[in-house]
Amino acid sequence: MLCGLLLAVLVSAPPMLQAGIVRNVLQSVGLAKPDPPKVDPTTGAPVFPRSGFACCNLHADGKSINDGNYSRFPMIAAGTPVEVLSYDGRNEAAIRINGKPMRLIHDYGHEQESLDAWVNKVIVRVDPTPRINAYPSVVQTAIRAGRVTVGMTREQAIVAVGYPLTSENPSLDEPIWRVWRSSHGEYDLHFENNGRIGSVTGEPDVLSQVLYQPAR
């Protein structure tokens, strides 16, 4: 009943209110931080080191993770502990994952949001693992494979493949998200009015790598 009421409100709400609802939902499942990180009271600068968790499945080329989050690279599972060590200039953050130094690079979306805003989206203080374990089994299987599947909510899609690029997807409320497996491997998530993926489109070779289809 509560879920139905929330869905009805979300569908009927004006765009700006929908955006607020989606942000609140993301916060409730640990995909976005409800409060800003600690800052130095004198300078207002972020305080490091800062511990958190991968909000979603992230993909690293060996040394870095950028906001394209291309799934062709090896996966770092959602819920993996991450330590944020410092910010290096405008677009990069030094992090440590499983004792290994790495970098977060805000490559594409730095004109739409600050480095701090982006880092605090992808490295969250609340471990998303308990929420993931409560998802339907098909969704869990898709997420653990780093793939999307028809029927996923926006939140579940983010856990599975990360946030879509803000440079191309300025609002999470849009009915279509452009996502990339590689720099030339675009696929699109089409959301229905109920907020769930109705279809995924793209080149067949890309879809074969990103779409999970349960056995019938």
Protein backbone atom coordinates (compact mmCIF):
# COMPACT_ATOMS: atom_id res chain seq x y z
CA MET A 1 0.00 0.00 0.00
CA LEU A 2 2.78 2.43 0.99
CA CYS A 3 4.78 1.61 -2.13
CA GLY A 4 1.70 2.17 -4.27
CA LEU A 5 1.06 5.52 -2.64
CA LEU A 6 4.67 6.60 -3.17
CA LEU A 7 4.50 5.52 -6.80
CA ALA A 8 1.28 7.45 -7.35
CA VAL A 9 2.81 10.58 -5.85
CA LEU A 10 5.97 10.19 -7.91
CA VAL A 11 4.14 9.74 -11.19
CA SER A 12 1.76 12.65 -10.63
CA ALA A 13 4.25 15.10 -9.11
CA PRO A 14 5.69 17.97 -11.14
CA PRO A 15 9.29 17.54 -12.37
CA MET A 16 11.01 19.53 -9.62
CA LEU A 17 9.12 17.66 -6.90
CA GLN A 18 9.86 14.35 -8.62
CA ALA A 19 13.56 15.21 -8.49
CA GLY A 20 13.29 15.75 -4.76
CA ILE A 21 11.44 12.47 -4.28
CA VAL A 22 14.05 10.55 -6.26
CA ARG A 23 16.85 12.13 -4.25
CA ASN A 24 15.08 11.18 -1.03
CA VAL A 25 14.62 7.61 -2.20
CA LEU A 26 18.31 7.39 -3.13
CA GLN A 27 19.27 8.70 0.28
CA SER A 28 17.07 6.14 2.02
CA VAL A 29 18.88 3.24 0.36
CA GLY A 30 22.38 4.56 0.91
CA LEU A 31 22.99 5.71 -2.65
CA ALA A 32 23.29 9.37 -1.71
CA LYS A 33 24.43 10.96 1.50
CA PRO A 34 21.70 12.57 3.60
CA ASP A 35 24.21 14.95 5.23
CA PRO A 36 27.28 16.74 3.91
CA PRO A 37 30.72 15.35 4.87
CA LYS A 38 32.67 16.82 7.76
CA VAL A 39 34.51 20.00 6.92
CA ASP A 40 37.20 22.02 8.66
CA PRO A 41 35.30 24.69 10.65
CA THR A 42 38.00 27.26 9.87
CA THR A 43 38.57 26.72 6.16
CA GLY A 44 35.40 24.90 5.14
CA ALA A 45 37.56 22.33 3.34
CA PRO A 46 36.61 18.62 3.42
CA VAL A 47 38.30 16.57 6.14
CA PHE A 48 40.33 13.51 5.13
CA PRO A 49 40.72 10.59 5.31
CA ARG A 50 37.06 9.67 4.95
CA SER A 51 35.74 6.11 5.01
CA GLY A 52 32.75 4.88 3.04
CA PHE A 53 31.45 2.30 0.61
CA ALA A 54 31.02 2.02 -3.14
CA CYS A 55 27.45 3.12 -3.79
CA CYS A 56 27.20 0.87 -6.77
CA ASN A 57 29.25 -1.35 -9.04
CA LEU A 58 32.28 0.66 -10.07
CA HIS A 59 34.76 -0.20 -12.81
CA ALA A 60 38.49 0.49 -12.70
CA ASP A 61 41.02 0.41 -15.52
CA GLY A 62 43.62 -0.74 -13.01
CA LYS A 63 44.61 2.64 -11.61
CA SER A 64 41.52 4.80 -11.79
CA ILE A 65 37.73 5.01 -11.93
CA ASN A 66 36.17 7.81 -13.93
CA ASP A 67 32.60 9.01 -14.08
CA GLY A 68 32.06 7.14 -17.35
CA ASN A 69 32.32 3.97 -15.22
CA TYR A 70 32.79 1.82 -18.32
CA SER A 71 31.64 -1.70 -17.56
CA ARG A 72 34.19 -3.22 -19.93
CA PHE A 73 36.72 -2.73 -17.11
CA PRO A 74 36.98 -5.04 -14.06
CA MET A 75 34.25 -4.50 -11.48
CA ILE A 76 34.50 -3.29 -7.89
CA ALA A 77 31.31 -4.49 -6.26
CA ALA A 78 28.77 -2.21 -4.64
CA GLY A 79 29.38 -2.08 -0.89
CA THR A 80 33.16 -2.43 -1.16
CA PRO A 81 34.86 -0.34 1.56
CA VAL A 82 36.63 2.73 0.15
CA GLU A 83 38.81 5.30 1.87
CA VAL A 84 38.90 8.80 0.37
CA LEU A 85 42.35 10.25 1.08
CA SER A 86 42.45 13.66 -0.61
CA TYR A 87 41.33 15.81 -3.49
CA ASP A 88 43.96 16.59 -6.10
CA GLY A 89 43.02 19.71 -8.00
CA ARG A 90 39.57 20.21 -9.48
CA ASN A 91 38.77 16.83 -10.98
CA GLU A 92 40.57 14.03 -9.10
CA ALA A 93 40.45 12.31 -5.73
CA ALA A 94 42.95 9.89 -4.24
CA ILE A 95 41.34 6.81 -2.74
CA ARG A 96 42.31 3.42 -1.37
CA ILE A 97 40.41 0.18 -2.04
CA ASN A 98 41.49 -3.05 -0.35
CA GLY A 99 44.81 -1.42 0.48
CA LYS A 100 45.43 -0.45 -3.16
CA PRO A 101 45.83 3.23 -4.07
CA MET A 102 43.58 4.39 -6.88
CA ARG A 103 42.09 7.59 -8.27
CA LEU A 104 38.57 8.82 -8.85
CA ILE A 105 38.54 11.04 -11.94
CA HIS A 106 35.62 13.39 -12.57
CA ASP A 107 36.28 13.50 -16.30
CA TYR A 108 33.00 14.22 -18.09
CA GLY A 109 30.61 15.82 -15.63
CA HIS A 110 32.82 18.38 -13.88
CA GLU A 111 30.95 21.29 -15.45
CA GLN A 112 27.62 20.04 -14.10
CA GLU A 113 28.65 19.19 -10.53
CA SER A 114 31.61 19.66 -8.23
CA LEU A 115 34.19 16.98 -7.51
CA ASP A 116 32.99 16.84 -3.90
CA ALA A 117 29.36 16.33 -4.98
CA TRP A 118 30.32 13.53 -7.34
CA VAL A 119 32.63 11.75 -4.88
CA ASN A 120 29.93 11.88 -2.23
CA LYS A 121 27.49 10.23 -4.64
CA VAL A 122 29.73 7.29 -5.49
CA ILE A 123 31.36 6.82 -2.08
CA VAL A 124 28.61 6.75 0.54
CA ARG A 125 28.67 6.40 4.31
CA VAL A 126 25.93 3.75 4.49
CA ASP A 127 26.80 0.28 3.18
CA PRO A 128 24.23 -0.53 0.45
CA THR A 129 24.73 -4.30 0.86
CA PRO A 130 21.75 -4.92 3.21
CA ARG A 131 19.45 -3.09 0.81
CA ILE A 132 20.80 -5.06 -2.15
CA ASN A 133 20.19 -8.31 -0.26
CA ALA A 134 16.53 -7.32 0.08
CA TYR A 135 16.02 -6.83 -3.67
CA PRO A 136 14.20 -9.52 -5.66
CA SER A 137 16.51 -12.43 -6.51
CA VAL A 138 16.53 -11.63 -10.24
CA VAL A 139 17.65 -8.08 -9.51
CA GLN A 140 20.33 -9.31 -7.11
CA THR A 141 21.67 -11.69 -9.74
CA ALA A 142 21.79 -8.94 -12.35
CA ILE A 143 23.55 -6.53 -9.97
CA ARG A 144 26.17 -9.10 -8.99
CA ALA A 145 26.84 -9.67 -12.68
CA GLY A 146 27.14 -5.90 -13.23
CA ARG A 147 24.19 -5.88 -15.59
CA VAL A 148 20.78 -4.26 -15.86
CA THR A 149 17.53 -6.10 -16.33
CA VAL A 150 13.99 -5.15 -17.32
CA GLY A 151 11.91 -4.32 -14.26
CA MET A 152 14.70 -2.63 -12.30
CA THR A 153 13.94 0.64 -10.54
CA ARG A 154 16.17 3.66 -11.08
CA GLU A 155 17.86 2.98 -7.74
CA GLN A 156 18.58 -0.64 -8.69
CA ALA A 157 19.93 0.41 -12.08
CA ILE A 158 22.34 2.78 -10.35
CA VAL A 159 23.55 0.00 -8.06
CA ALA A 160 24.05 -2.25 -11.09
CA VAL A 161 25.90 0.09 -13.46
CA GLY A 162 26.52 3.33 -11.57
CA TYR A 163 25.20 6.83 -12.05
CA PRO A 164 24.66 7.92 -15.66
CA LEU A 165 26.91 10.74 -16.80
CA THR A 166 25.57 14.09 -15.60
CA SER A 167 26.97 15.69 -18.75
CA GLU A 168 24.43 13.71 -20.78
CA ASN A 169 21.78 12.97 -18.14
CA PRO A 170 21.25 16.15 -16.13
CA SER A 171 18.24 14.70 -14.30
CA LEU A 172 17.65 11.22 -12.91
CA ASP A 173 13.96 11.74 -13.61
CA GLU A 174 14.33 11.59 -17.39
CA PRO A 175 12.55 8.64 -19.07
CA ILE A 176 15.72 7.63 -20.95
CA TRP A 177 19.24 7.33 -19.54
CA ARG A 178 22.25 7.21 -21.86
CA VAL A 179 24.79 4.77 -20.44
CA TRP A 180 28.11 3.55 -21.79
CA ARG A 181 29.88 0.20 -21.67
CA SER A 182 32.90 1.80 -23.33
CA SER A 183 33.67 5.11 -25.00
CA HIS A 184 31.93 3.82 -28.15
CA GLY A 185 29.45 1.41 -26.58
CA GLU A 186 26.30 3.34 -25.73
CA TYR A 187 23.09 1.72 -24.57
CA ASP A 188 19.88 3.35 -23.34
CA LEU A 189 17.67 2.54 -20.38
CA HIS A 190 14.00 3.32 -21.03
CA PHE A 191 11.93 3.87 -17.90
CA GLU A 192 8.18 3.48 -17.84
CA ASN A 193 5.81 5.68 -15.84
CA ASN A 194 6.13 3.34 -12.88
CA GLY A 195 9.85 4.17 -12.61
CA ARG A 196 11.04 0.75 -13.77
CA ILE A 197 13.06 -0.22 -16.82
CA GLY A 198 10.71 -1.22 -19.61
CA SER A 199 13.36 -1.84 -22.25
CA VAL A 200 17.07 -1.52 -22.95
CA THR A 201 18.23 -0.56 -26.43
CA GLY A 202 21.60 -0.52 -28.14
CA GLU A 203 23.79 -2.44 -30.54
CA PRO A 204 23.44 -6.23 -30.16
CA ASP A 205 27.09 -6.71 -29.18
CA VAL A 206 26.73 -4.11 -26.41
CA LEU A 207 23.43 -5.50 -25.15
CA SER A 208 24.93 -8.97 -24.94
CA GLN A 209 27.39 -7.59 -22.38
CA VAL A 210 25.12 -5.36 -20.29
CA LEU A 211 21.64 -6.89 -20.28
CA TYR A 212 20.71 -9.71 -17.92
CA GLN A 213 17.82 -11.82 -19.18
CA PRO A 214 16.54 -14.47 -16.76
CA ALA A 215 16.08 -17.95 -18.14
CA ARG A 216 12.50 -18.66 -19.07
